[in-house]
Amino acid sequence: MKKILHIFSLISLLVTLALEILPNGAALTFAPKPDTRIVKTYSYFSNIPFGYAHFSPLITAILTVVIIILTVISMLIYFKSQKLLTATLACTFIAFTLSLISAIPVGTAIGAIIIVLLLISLVLQAIYKGMIWNQNK
């Protein structure tokens, strides 16, 4: 049961990464005239939103890659490193919070799915960490 939670969390993160690569995740609103609004979407890995001071999509994407790496390392060392699980949980919480912040001005459907998948991964990691912590007591 514990390993299945960890694997579902990894699957959720991999789907999140795939969605972050798509060019419809991060949205920017431009106003060329006072009464005109143009919304353009970009990949979470794009430098364009970062250049327009919309930092959270790129940081979320980088954190997602870091979380996937930490999760795979955690799986390779038999799922029981408390410090590694705590670091993974903290990074996931930060990525989730940043993805919420990026959706506040203008959100996209892909951005909403990314938020939900990060939340699912966060909950699964918290349950898994709680199971491991209670087992070691």
C-alpha atoms as a PDB file:
ATOM      1  CA  MET A   1       0.000   0.000   0.000  1.00  0.00           C
ATOM      2  CA  LYS A   2       2.776   2.432   0.915  1.00  0.00           C
ATOM      3  CA  LYS A   3       4.718   1.839  -2.280  1.00  0.00           C
ATOM      4  CA  ILE A   4       1.567   2.279  -4.356  1.00  0.00           C
ATOM      5  CA  LEU A   5       1.032   5.745  -2.832  1.00  0.00           C
ATOM      6  CA  HIS A   6       4.601   6.661  -3.710  1.00  0.00           C
ATOM      7  CA  ILE A   7       4.213   5.348  -7.274  1.00  0.00           C
ATOM      8  CA  PHE A   8       0.920   7.218  -7.811  1.00  0.00           C
ATOM      9  CA  SER A   9       2.594  10.372  -6.542  1.00  0.00           C
ATOM     10  CA  LEU A  10       5.387   9.880  -9.082  1.00  0.00           C
ATOM     11  CA  ILE A  11       2.864   9.279 -11.882  1.00  0.00           C
ATOM     12  CA  SER A  12       1.045  12.465 -10.888  1.00  0.00           C
ATOM     13  CA  LEU A  13       4.322  14.379 -11.021  1.00  0.00           C
ATOM     14  CA  LEU A  14       5.239  12.949 -14.424  1.00  0.00           C
ATOM     15  CA  VAL A  15       1.861  13.975 -15.851  1.00  0.00           C
ATOM     16  CA  THR A  16       2.373  17.407 -14.282  1.00  0.00           C
ATOM     17  CA  LEU A  17       5.757  17.698 -15.988  1.00  0.00           C
ATOM     18  CA  ALA A  18       4.246  16.700 -19.331  1.00  0.00           C
ATOM     19  CA  LEU A  19       1.564  19.384 -18.944  1.00  0.00           C
ATOM     20  CA  GLU A  20       4.147  21.992 -17.946  1.00  0.00           C
ATOM     21  CA  ILE A  21       6.008  21.343 -21.194  1.00  0.00           C
ATOM     22  CA  LEU A  22       2.894  22.109 -23.270  1.00  0.00           C
ATOM     23  CA  PRO A  23       2.685  25.674 -24.612  1.00  0.00           C
ATOM     24  CA  ASN A  24      -0.666  26.457 -22.956  1.00  0.00           C
ATOM     25  CA  GLY A  25       0.181  26.436 -19.253  1.00  0.00           C
ATOM     26  CA  ALA A  26       1.329  29.912 -18.234  1.00  0.00           C
ATOM     27  CA  ALA A  27      -0.722  32.903 -19.360  1.00  0.00           C
ATOM     28  CA  LEU A  28       0.281  36.532 -19.715  1.00  0.00           C
ATOM     29  CA  THR A  29      -2.118  39.403 -20.290  1.00  0.00           C
ATOM     30  CA  PHE A  30      -1.003  42.252 -22.516  1.00  0.00           C
ATOM     31  CA  ALA A  31      -2.844  45.566 -22.935  1.00  0.00           C
ATOM     32  CA  PRO A  32      -1.758  47.312 -26.138  1.00  0.00           C
ATOM     33  CA  LYS A  33      -4.645  49.793 -25.772  1.00  0.00           C
ATOM     34  CA  PRO A  34      -6.586  50.823 -22.666  1.00  0.00           C
ATOM     35  CA  ASP A  35      -9.688  48.909 -23.739  1.00  0.00           C
ATOM     36  CA  THR A  36      -7.954  45.882 -25.311  1.00  0.00           C
ATOM     37  CA  ARG A  37      -6.627  42.816 -23.516  1.00  0.00           C
ATOM     38  CA  ILE A  38      -4.624  40.085 -25.237  1.00  0.00           C
ATOM     39  CA  VAL A  39      -3.894  36.834 -23.399  1.00  0.00           C
ATOM     40  CA  LYS A  40      -0.959  34.777 -24.646  1.00  0.00           C
ATOM     41  CA  THR A  41      -0.011  31.382 -23.259  1.00  0.00           C
ATOM     42  CA  TYR A  42       3.434  29.891 -22.860  1.00  0.00           C
ATOM     43  CA  SER A  43       5.096  26.769 -21.541  1.00  0.00           C
ATOM     44  CA  TYR A  44       6.000  26.716 -17.867  1.00  0.00           C
ATOM     45  CA  PHE A  45       9.624  26.325 -19.012  1.00  0.00           C
ATOM     46  CA  SER A  46       9.513  29.438 -21.212  1.00  0.00           C
ATOM     47  CA  ASN A  47      11.664  32.425 -20.297  1.00  0.00           C
ATOM     48  CA  ILE A  48       9.123  34.900 -21.683  1.00  0.00           C
ATOM     49  CA  PRO A  49       6.842  34.967 -18.600  1.00  0.00           C
ATOM     50  CA  PHE A  50       9.970  35.100 -16.431  1.00  0.00           C
ATOM     51  CA  GLY A  51      11.149  38.122 -18.427  1.00  0.00           C
ATOM     52  CA  TYR A  52       7.814  39.836 -17.785  1.00  0.00           C
ATOM     53  CA  ALA A  53       8.268  39.323 -14.006  1.00  0.00           C
ATOM     54  CA  HIS A  54       5.925  36.318 -13.854  1.00  0.00           C
ATOM     55  CA  PHE A  55       8.399  34.130 -11.976  1.00  0.00           C
ATOM     56  CA  SER A  56       6.217  31.368 -10.577  1.00  0.00           C
ATOM     57  CA  PRO A  57       5.692  29.162 -13.692  1.00  0.00           C
ATOM     58  CA  LEU A  58       9.411  28.664 -14.332  1.00  0.00           C
ATOM     59  CA  ILE A  59      10.185  28.077 -10.652  1.00  0.00           C
ATOM     60  CA  THR A  60       7.267  25.609 -10.442  1.00  0.00           C
ATOM     61  CA  ALA A  61       8.587  23.732 -13.475  1.00  0.00           C
ATOM     62  CA  ILE A  62      12.108  23.528 -12.064  1.00  0.00           C
ATOM     63  CA  LEU A  63      10.766  22.378  -8.697  1.00  0.00           C
ATOM     64  CA  THR A  64       8.695  19.699 -10.426  1.00  0.00           C
ATOM     65  CA  VAL A  65      11.853  18.290 -11.997  1.00  0.00           C
ATOM     66  CA  VAL A  66      13.618  18.407  -8.605  1.00  0.00           C
ATOM     67  CA  ILE A  67      10.655  16.649  -6.940  1.00  0.00           C
ATOM     68  CA  ILE A  68      10.674  13.895  -9.561  1.00  0.00           C
ATOM     69  CA  ILE A  69      14.410  13.366  -9.040  1.00  0.00           C
ATOM     70  CA  LEU A  70      13.975  13.268  -5.239  1.00  0.00           C
ATOM     71  CA  THR A  71      11.069  10.841  -5.560  1.00  0.00           C
ATOM     72  CA  VAL A  72      13.050   8.483  -7.801  1.00  0.00           C
ATOM     73  CA  ILE A  73      16.035   8.637  -5.421  1.00  0.00           C
ATOM     74  CA  SER A  74      13.677   7.945  -2.516  1.00  0.00           C
ATOM     75  CA  MET A  75      12.281   4.932  -4.350  1.00  0.00           C
ATOM     76  CA  LEU A  76      15.776   3.622  -5.046  1.00  0.00           C
ATOM     77  CA  ILE A  77      16.786   3.704  -1.386  1.00  0.00           C
ATOM     78  CA  TYR A  78      13.836   1.617  -0.284  1.00  0.00           C
ATOM     79  CA  PHE A  79      11.301   4.350   0.478  1.00  0.00           C
ATOM     80  CA  LYS A  80      12.432   5.026   4.046  1.00  0.00           C
ATOM     81  CA  SER A  81      14.599   8.154   4.167  1.00  0.00           C
ATOM     82  CA  GLN A  82      12.753  10.616   6.419  1.00  0.00           C
ATOM     83  CA  LYS A  83      14.913  13.590   5.432  1.00  0.00           C
ATOM     84  CA  LEU A  84      14.450  12.890   1.732  1.00  0.00           C
ATOM     85  CA  LEU A  85      10.692  12.499   2.166  1.00  0.00           C
ATOM     86  CA  THR A  86      10.557  15.775   4.097  1.00  0.00           C
ATOM     87  CA  ALA A  87      12.534  17.586   1.392  1.00  0.00           C
ATOM     88  CA  THR A  88      10.262  16.156  -1.304  1.00  0.00           C
ATOM     89  CA  LEU A  89       7.150  17.175   0.622  1.00  0.00           C
ATOM     90  CA  ALA A  90       8.481  20.709   1.188  1.00  0.00           C
ATOM     91  CA  CYS A  91       9.394  21.155  -2.485  1.00  0.00           C
ATOM     92  CA  THR A  92       5.971  19.888  -3.537  1.00  0.00           C
ATOM     93  CA  PHE A  93       4.259  22.318  -1.173  1.00  0.00           C
ATOM     94  CA  ILE A  94       6.308  25.220  -2.559  1.00  0.00           C
ATOM     95  CA  ALA A  95       5.574  24.175  -6.161  1.00  0.00           C
ATOM     96  CA  PHE A  96       1.853  23.876  -5.358  1.00  0.00           C
ATOM     97  CA  THR A  97       1.810  27.321  -3.737  1.00  0.00           C
ATOM     98  CA  LEU A  98       3.663  28.899  -6.656  1.00  0.00           C
ATOM     99  CA  SER A  99       1.317  27.304  -9.164  1.00  0.00           C
ATOM    100  CA  LEU A 100      -1.619  28.789  -7.252  1.00  0.00           C
ATOM    101  CA  ILE A 101       0.050  32.189  -7.364  1.00  0.00           C
ATOM    102  CA  SER A 102       0.601  31.907 -11.116  1.00  0.00           C
ATOM    103  CA  ALA A 103      -3.084  31.131 -11.685  1.00  0.00           C
ATOM    104  CA  ILE A 104      -4.374  34.166  -9.805  1.00  0.00           C
ATOM    105  CA  PRO A 105      -4.071  36.852 -12.528  1.00  0.00           C
ATOM    106  CA  VAL A 106      -5.074  34.720 -15.521  1.00  0.00           C
ATOM    107  CA  GLY A 107      -5.447  30.986 -15.297  1.00  0.00           C
ATOM    108  CA  THR A 108      -5.651  28.360 -18.004  1.00  0.00           C
ATOM    109  CA  ALA A 109      -7.252  24.916 -18.005  1.00  0.00           C
ATOM    110  CA  ILE A 110      -3.830  23.281 -18.129  1.00  0.00           C
ATOM    111  CA  GLY A 111      -2.700  25.466 -15.220  1.00  0.00           C
ATOM    112  CA  ALA A 112      -5.715  24.307 -13.209  1.00  0.00           C
ATOM    113  CA  ILE A 113      -4.939  20.658 -13.972  1.00  0.00           C
ATOM    114  CA  ILE A 114      -1.318  21.233 -12.900  1.00  0.00           C
ATOM    115  CA  ILE A 115      -2.548  22.681  -9.595  1.00  0.00           C
ATOM    116  CA  VAL A 116      -4.818  19.692  -8.996  1.00  0.00           C
ATOM    117  CA  LEU A 117      -2.067  17.181  -9.858  1.00  0.00           C
ATOM    118  CA  LEU A 118       0.416  18.911  -7.549  1.00  0.00           C
ATOM    119  CA  LEU A 119      -2.202  18.847  -4.784  1.00  0.00           C
ATOM    120  CA  ILE A 120      -2.810  15.126  -5.360  1.00  0.00           C
ATOM    121  CA  SER A 121       0.928  14.467  -5.233  1.00  0.00           C
ATOM    122  CA  LEU A 122       1.246  16.564  -2.067  1.00  0.00           C
ATOM    123  CA  VAL A 123      -1.552  14.669  -0.306  1.00  0.00           C
ATOM    124  CA  LEU A 124      -0.166  11.268  -1.360  1.00  0.00           C
ATOM    125  CA  GLN A 125       3.314  12.218  -0.174  1.00  0.00           C
ATOM    126  CA  ALA A 126       1.947  13.452   3.160  1.00  0.00           C
ATOM    127  CA  ILE A 127      -0.002  10.225   3.693  1.00  0.00           C
ATOM    128  CA  TYR A 128       3.040   8.154   2.750  1.00  0.00           C
ATOM    129  CA  LYS A 129       5.334  10.151   5.046  1.00  0.00           C
ATOM    130  CA  GLY A 130       2.834   9.757   7.883  1.00  0.00           C
ATOM    131  CA  MET A 131       2.718   5.986   7.337  1.00  0.00           C
ATOM    132  CA  ILE A 132       6.527   5.734   7.368  1.00  0.00           C
ATOM    133  CA  TRP A 133       6.805   8.003  10.410  1.00  0.00           C
ATOM    134  CA  ASN A 134       4.261   5.946  12.386  1.00  0.00           C
ATOM    135  CA  GLN A 135       6.005   2.730  11.376  1.00  0.00           C
ATOM    136  CA  ASN A 136       9.364   3.945  12.716  1.00  0.00           C
ATOM    137  CA  LYS A 137       7.946   4.879  16.154  1.00  0.00           C
END
